[in-house]
N, C-alpha and C. Protein backbone atom coordinates (compact mmCIF):
# COMPACT_ATOMS: atom_id res chain seq x y z
N MET A 1 79.80 160.26 99.29
CA MET A 1 80.66 159.87 98.20
C MET A 1 81.82 159.01 98.65
N SER A 2 82.22 159.18 99.85
CA SER A 2 83.34 158.43 100.37
C SER A 2 83.04 156.93 100.36
N GLN A 3 81.79 156.59 100.63
CA GLN A 3 81.42 155.18 100.64
C GLN A 3 81.48 154.60 99.23
N ASN A 4 81.01 155.34 98.22
CA ASN A 4 81.07 154.88 96.83
C ASN A 4 82.52 154.71 96.38
N THR A 5 83.37 155.62 96.77
CA THR A 5 84.78 155.54 96.41
C THR A 5 85.42 154.30 97.04
N ASP A 6 85.10 154.07 98.32
CA ASP A 6 85.63 152.89 99.01
C ASP A 6 85.09 151.61 98.37
N THR A 7 83.81 151.59 98.01
CA THR A 7 83.21 150.42 97.38
C THR A 7 83.85 150.14 96.03
N ASP A 8 84.08 151.21 95.26
CA ASP A 8 84.73 151.04 93.95
C ASP A 8 86.16 150.52 94.12
N ALA A 9 86.85 151.01 95.10
CA ALA A 9 88.23 150.56 95.35
C ALA A 9 88.24 149.08 95.74
N ILE A 10 87.28 148.68 96.57
CA ILE A 10 87.18 147.27 96.98
C ILE A 10 86.87 146.40 95.77
N LYS A 11 85.96 146.86 94.92
CA LYS A 11 85.62 146.11 93.71
C LYS A 11 86.84 145.94 92.81
N ARG A 12 87.62 147.01 92.66
CA ARG A 12 88.84 146.93 91.84
C ARG A 12 89.84 145.94 92.45
N ASP A 13 89.97 146.01 93.77
CA ASP A 13 90.90 145.10 94.45
C ASP A 13 90.47 143.65 94.30
N VAL A 14 89.17 143.40 94.45
CA VAL A 14 88.65 142.03 94.32
C VAL A 14 88.86 141.54 92.88
N GLU A 15 88.60 142.39 91.90
CA GLU A 15 88.79 141.99 90.50
C GLU A 15 90.27 141.72 90.21
N SER A 16 91.13 142.54 90.77
CA SER A 16 92.57 142.33 90.61
C SER A 16 92.99 141.01 91.26
N LEU A 17 92.44 140.72 92.42
CA LEU A 17 92.74 139.47 93.11
C LEU A 17 92.26 138.27 92.29
N ARG A 18 91.07 138.37 91.71
CA ARG A 18 90.56 137.29 90.85
C ARG A 18 91.48 137.05 89.67
N LYS A 19 91.91 138.14 89.05
CA LYS A 19 92.82 138.03 87.90
C LYS A 19 94.12 137.33 88.31
N ASP A 20 94.66 137.75 89.44
CA ASP A 20 95.91 137.15 89.93
C ASP A 20 95.72 135.66 90.21
N LEU A 21 94.59 135.30 90.80
CA LEU A 21 94.32 133.89 91.10
C LEU A 21 94.16 133.06 89.82
N ARG A 22 93.50 133.64 88.81
CA ARG A 22 93.37 132.93 87.52
C ARG A 22 94.74 132.69 86.91
N GLU A 23 95.60 133.71 86.93
CA GLU A 23 96.95 133.57 86.38
C GLU A 23 97.76 132.54 87.16
N LEU A 24 97.61 132.54 88.47
CA LEU A 24 98.31 131.57 89.30
C LEU A 24 97.83 130.15 89.00
N ALA A 25 96.52 129.97 88.89
CA ALA A 25 95.97 128.65 88.57
C ALA A 25 96.44 128.19 87.20
N GLU A 26 96.49 129.09 86.24
CA GLU A 26 96.98 128.73 84.90
C GLU A 26 98.44 128.32 84.95
N GLY A 27 99.22 129.02 85.75
CA GLY A 27 100.64 128.65 85.92
C GLY A 27 100.79 127.26 86.52
N PHE A 28 99.98 126.94 87.52
CA PHE A 28 100.01 125.60 88.13
C PHE A 28 99.60 124.54 87.11
N ARG A 29 98.57 124.84 86.32
CA ARG A 29 98.10 123.89 85.32
C ARG A 29 99.19 123.61 84.29
N GLN A 30 99.82 124.66 83.79
CA GLN A 30 100.88 124.49 82.80
C GLN A 30 102.06 123.73 83.39
N SER A 31 102.40 124.04 84.62
CA SER A 31 103.51 123.35 85.28
C SER A 31 103.20 121.85 85.43
N GLY A 32 101.97 121.54 85.82
CA GLY A 32 101.57 120.13 85.96
C GLY A 32 101.60 119.41 84.63
N GLU A 33 101.13 120.07 83.58
CA GLU A 33 101.15 119.45 82.25
C GLU A 33 102.58 119.19 81.79
N ASN A 34 103.46 120.16 82.01
CA ASN A 34 104.86 119.99 81.61
C ASN A 34 105.51 118.84 82.37
N GLN A 35 105.24 118.76 83.65
CA GLN A 35 105.80 117.68 84.46
C GLN A 35 105.28 116.33 83.99
N ALA A 36 103.99 116.25 83.70
CA ALA A 36 103.40 115.00 83.22
C ALA A 36 104.02 114.58 81.88
N ARG A 37 104.26 115.55 81.01
CA ARG A 37 104.91 115.22 79.74
C ARG A 37 106.33 114.69 79.95
N ARG A 38 107.07 115.33 80.85
CA ARG A 38 108.45 114.88 81.12
C ARG A 38 108.46 113.45 81.68
N VAL A 39 107.58 113.20 82.64
CA VAL A 39 107.51 111.86 83.24
C VAL A 39 107.08 110.83 82.21
N GLY A 40 106.10 111.19 81.38
CA GLY A 40 105.66 110.28 80.32
C GLY A 40 106.77 109.97 79.34
N LYS A 41 107.53 110.97 78.95
CA LYS A 41 108.65 110.77 78.02
C LYS A 41 109.71 109.89 78.66
N GLN A 42 110.00 110.13 79.92
CA GLN A 42 110.99 109.32 80.63
C GLN A 42 110.53 107.86 80.72
N ALA A 43 109.26 107.64 81.01
CA ALA A 43 108.72 106.28 81.09
C ALA A 43 108.80 105.60 79.72
N GLN A 44 108.47 106.32 78.67
CA GLN A 44 108.53 105.77 77.31
C GLN A 44 109.97 105.39 76.96
N ASP A 45 110.91 106.26 77.28
CA ASP A 45 112.32 105.98 77.00
C ASP A 45 112.79 104.74 77.76
N THR A 46 112.40 104.63 79.03
CA THR A 46 112.78 103.48 79.84
C THR A 46 112.19 102.20 79.26
N TYR A 47 110.91 102.26 78.88
CA TYR A 47 110.25 101.10 78.26
C TYR A 47 110.99 100.67 77.00
N GLU A 48 111.31 101.63 76.13
CA GLU A 48 112.00 101.30 74.88
C GLU A 48 113.36 100.67 75.14
N THR A 49 114.07 101.17 76.13
CA THR A 49 115.38 100.61 76.47
C THR A 49 115.25 99.16 76.91
N TYR A 50 114.30 98.89 77.81
CA TYR A 50 114.12 97.52 78.30
C TYR A 50 113.56 96.60 77.23
N ALA A 51 112.68 97.11 76.38
CA ALA A 51 112.12 96.29 75.31
C ALA A 51 113.22 95.90 74.32
N LYS A 52 114.09 96.83 74.01
CA LYS A 52 115.21 96.56 73.10
C LYS A 52 116.13 95.50 73.70
N GLU A 53 116.41 95.64 74.99
CA GLU A 53 117.28 94.68 75.67
C GLU A 53 116.63 93.29 75.71
N ALA A 54 115.32 93.24 75.94
CA ALA A 54 114.61 91.95 75.98
C ALA A 54 114.64 91.27 74.61
N ARG A 55 114.46 92.05 73.55
CA ARG A 55 114.54 91.47 72.20
C ARG A 55 115.94 90.92 71.93
N LYS A 56 116.94 91.67 72.35
CA LYS A 56 118.33 91.23 72.15
C LYS A 56 118.59 89.93 72.91
N ARG A 57 118.15 89.87 74.16
CA ARG A 57 118.36 88.65 74.96
C ARG A 57 117.57 87.48 74.39
N GLY A 58 116.38 87.73 73.89
CA GLY A 58 115.58 86.67 73.27
C GLY A 58 116.28 86.08 72.05
N LYS A 59 116.87 86.94 71.25
CA LYS A 59 117.62 86.46 70.07
C LYS A 59 118.83 85.64 70.50
N GLU A 60 119.51 86.10 71.56
CA GLU A 60 120.68 85.37 72.06
C GLU A 60 120.28 83.98 72.55
N VAL A 61 119.19 83.89 73.28
CA VAL A 61 118.72 82.60 73.78
C VAL A 61 118.33 81.70 72.62
N GLY A 62 117.63 82.28 71.64
CA GLY A 62 117.24 81.50 70.46
C GLY A 62 118.45 80.97 69.72
N ALA A 63 119.48 81.79 69.58
CA ALA A 63 120.71 81.36 68.91
C ALA A 63 121.40 80.26 69.71
N GLU A 64 121.40 80.38 71.01
CA GLU A 64 122.02 79.36 71.87
C GLU A 64 121.28 78.03 71.75
N ILE A 65 119.96 78.09 71.71
CA ILE A 65 119.17 76.86 71.57
C ILE A 65 119.43 76.21 70.22
N GLU A 66 119.50 77.02 69.17
CA GLU A 66 119.79 76.49 67.83
C GLU A 66 121.18 75.89 67.77
N ALA A 67 122.14 76.52 68.44
CA ALA A 67 123.53 76.03 68.41
C ALA A 67 123.68 74.74 69.21
N ARG A 68 122.94 74.58 70.29
CA ARG A 68 123.07 73.40 71.16
C ARG A 68 121.69 72.88 71.55
N PRO A 69 120.96 72.30 70.63
CA PRO A 69 119.59 71.86 70.94
C PRO A 69 119.54 70.76 72.00
N PHE A 70 120.42 69.80 71.94
CA PHE A 70 120.40 68.70 72.90
C PHE A 70 120.67 69.22 74.32
N THR A 71 121.67 70.05 74.46
CA THR A 71 122.00 70.63 75.77
C THR A 71 120.83 71.45 76.30
N SER A 72 120.17 72.18 75.43
CA SER A 72 119.04 73.02 75.82
C SER A 72 117.88 72.16 76.33
N VAL A 73 117.62 71.04 75.65
CA VAL A 73 116.53 70.15 76.08
C VAL A 73 116.86 69.54 77.44
N ILE A 74 118.07 69.10 77.61
CA ILE A 74 118.49 68.52 78.90
C ILE A 74 118.38 69.57 80.01
N ALA A 75 118.87 70.79 79.74
CA ALA A 75 118.81 71.86 80.75
C ALA A 75 117.35 72.16 81.12
N ALA A 76 116.47 72.23 80.14
CA ALA A 76 115.05 72.50 80.41
C ALA A 76 114.44 71.37 81.24
N PHE A 77 114.81 70.13 80.93
CA PHE A 77 114.30 68.98 81.67
C PHE A 77 114.74 69.04 83.13
N VAL A 78 116.03 69.31 83.36
CA VAL A 78 116.57 69.37 84.72
C VAL A 78 115.92 70.52 85.50
N ILE A 79 115.77 71.66 84.86
CA ILE A 79 115.14 72.80 85.53
C ILE A 79 113.70 72.45 85.88
N GLY A 80 113.00 71.78 84.98
CA GLY A 80 111.64 71.34 85.26
C GLY A 80 111.57 70.40 86.44
N LEU A 81 112.50 69.46 86.52
CA LEU A 81 112.54 68.54 87.66
C LEU A 81 112.76 69.30 88.98
N ILE A 82 113.70 70.21 88.95
CA ILE A 82 114.02 70.97 90.17
C ILE A 82 112.80 71.79 90.59
N LEU A 83 112.18 72.49 89.66
CA LEU A 83 111.01 73.29 90.00
C LEU A 83 109.85 72.39 90.48
N GLY A 84 109.72 71.23 89.89
CA GLY A 84 108.69 70.29 90.32
C GLY A 84 108.90 69.85 91.76
N LYS A 85 110.13 69.60 92.13
CA LYS A 85 110.44 69.22 93.51
C LYS A 85 110.19 70.37 94.48
N ILE A 86 110.55 71.57 94.06
CA ILE A 86 110.38 72.73 94.94
C ILE A 86 108.92 73.03 95.21
N PHE A 87 108.08 73.00 94.17
CA PHE A 87 106.69 73.42 94.30
C PHE A 87 105.72 72.28 94.60
N ARG A 88 106.22 71.11 94.86
CA ARG A 88 105.34 70.00 95.16
C ARG A 88 105.00 69.93 96.60
């Protein structure tokens, strides 16, 4: 009987260990999901901030071009010449 008792105790210990490992794995999974959500939210917030700033700067440039079209054309021409010389 001693062997059966020892075998039953080992079976209980193994089952307890399996349960603990399942709980641990579930904890890791939940932790990973939470971290991924936080990083995703942070990336989305950063994107929205930069997109908003880009739209604002685009409107400012558009307003500047409308206010001074001749100066804008001359500036674009000069920049084109300079870039042409650099990359030739």
